[in-house]
Structure formats: C-alpha cells, structure tokens
Amino acid sequence: MNRSGKTLAMALAVGVLLAGLAGCEKKEGPLEKAGKEVDNAAATVGQKIEKAGEKIQDAAQGDKK
C-alpha cells in the first residue's frame, strides 16, 4: 500500500471512530435533570439570602448614623 493509501485508510478509521463516539453520547436522564434543578434552586436561594443580609446590614448601619 502506498503512502497516500495509508493516509486515506487512517483518515477513514479516525472518522469511523469519531462517528462511533458521537453516537455513544450519554443523554441526560430524569435524575440528572432533577439534580440540576435542585442546584439552580439552591443557587437562587443563596443569592436571595445574600441580598437580604446586605439589606439587614444597610438597615443596621442606617440606625447607627
């Protein structure tokens, strides 16, 4: 087999492997989706608690002035 034939065979083999890997992509199941929703909810709650804490600090500093 000449050099260009080997190169073509290697390129074809790599293409087949990449196509096979793309087909094996794991899809997200219901538990992963629920976990992400819980993570997002926790982050949102954390942000709201932080904002409330800042408001409390601002109010406390306002009373001292």
Protein backbone atom coordinates (compact mmCIF):
# COMPACT_ATOMS: atom_id res chain seq x y z
CA MET A 1 0.00 0.00 0.00
CA ASN A 2 1.43 3.37 -0.93
CA ARG A 3 1.69 6.35 1.37
CA SER A 4 -1.47 8.12 0.18
CA GLY A 5 -3.45 4.88 0.57
CA LYS A 6 -2.26 4.51 4.18
CA THR A 7 -3.14 8.14 4.90
CA LEU A 8 -6.60 7.66 3.44
CA ALA A 9 -7.12 4.47 5.44
CA MET A 10 -6.05 6.20 8.67
CA ALA A 11 -8.32 9.17 8.00
CA LEU A 12 -11.21 6.82 7.34
CA ALA A 13 -10.50 4.86 10.52
CA VAL A 14 -10.36 8.04 12.62
CA GLY A 15 -13.62 9.23 11.06
CA VAL A 16 -15.35 5.95 11.90
CA LEU A 17 -14.09 6.09 15.49
CA LEU A 18 -15.24 9.69 15.94
CA ALA A 19 -18.66 8.89 14.49
CA GLY A 20 -18.95 5.94 16.88
CA LEU A 21 -18.06 8.09 19.88
CA ALA A 22 -20.57 10.75 18.89
CA GLY A 23 -23.29 8.12 18.74
CA CYS A 24 -22.47 6.97 22.28
CA GLU A 25 -23.14 10.34 23.86
CA LYS A 26 -24.94 9.77 27.14
CA LYS A 27 -28.27 11.52 27.33
CA GLU A 28 -29.40 13.22 30.49
CA GLY A 29 -31.89 11.21 32.48
CA PRO A 30 -34.66 12.42 34.79
CA LEU A 31 -32.48 12.26 37.91
CA GLU A 32 -29.75 14.38 36.34
CA LYS A 33 -32.37 16.94 35.29
CA ALA A 34 -33.86 16.99 38.79
CA GLY A 35 -30.39 17.40 40.29
CA LYS A 36 -29.66 20.36 38.06
CA GLU A 37 -32.97 21.96 39.03
CA VAL A 38 -32.13 21.49 42.72
CA ASP A 39 -28.70 23.05 42.15
CA ASN A 40 -30.25 26.03 40.37
CA ALA A 41 -32.85 26.47 43.12
CA ALA A 42 -30.15 26.35 45.81
CA ALA A 43 -28.11 28.97 43.97
CA THR A 44 -31.14 31.23 43.65
CA VAL A 45 -31.98 30.86 47.34
CA GLY A 46 -28.37 31.60 48.25
CA GLN A 47 -28.41 34.80 46.20
CA LYS A 48 -31.66 35.94 47.81
CA ILE A 49 -30.31 35.24 51.30
CA GLU A 50 -27.19 37.23 50.48
CA LYS A 51 -29.26 40.18 49.27
CA ALA A 52 -31.42 40.01 52.40
CA GLY A 53 -28.28 40.01 54.55
CA GLU A 54 -26.99 43.09 52.74
CA LYS A 55 -30.32 44.86 53.32
CA ILE A 56 -30.19 43.98 57.01
CA GLN A 57 -26.63 45.34 57.26
CA ASP A 58 -27.63 48.52 55.45
CA ALA A 59 -30.61 48.97 57.76
CA ALA A 60 -28.44 48.38 60.85
CA GLN A 61 -25.88 50.94 59.68
CA GLY A 62 -28.67 53.42 59.00
CA ASP A 63 -29.84 53.16 62.63
CA LYS A 64 -26.32 53.95 63.90
CA LYS A 65 -25.98 57.20 61.96
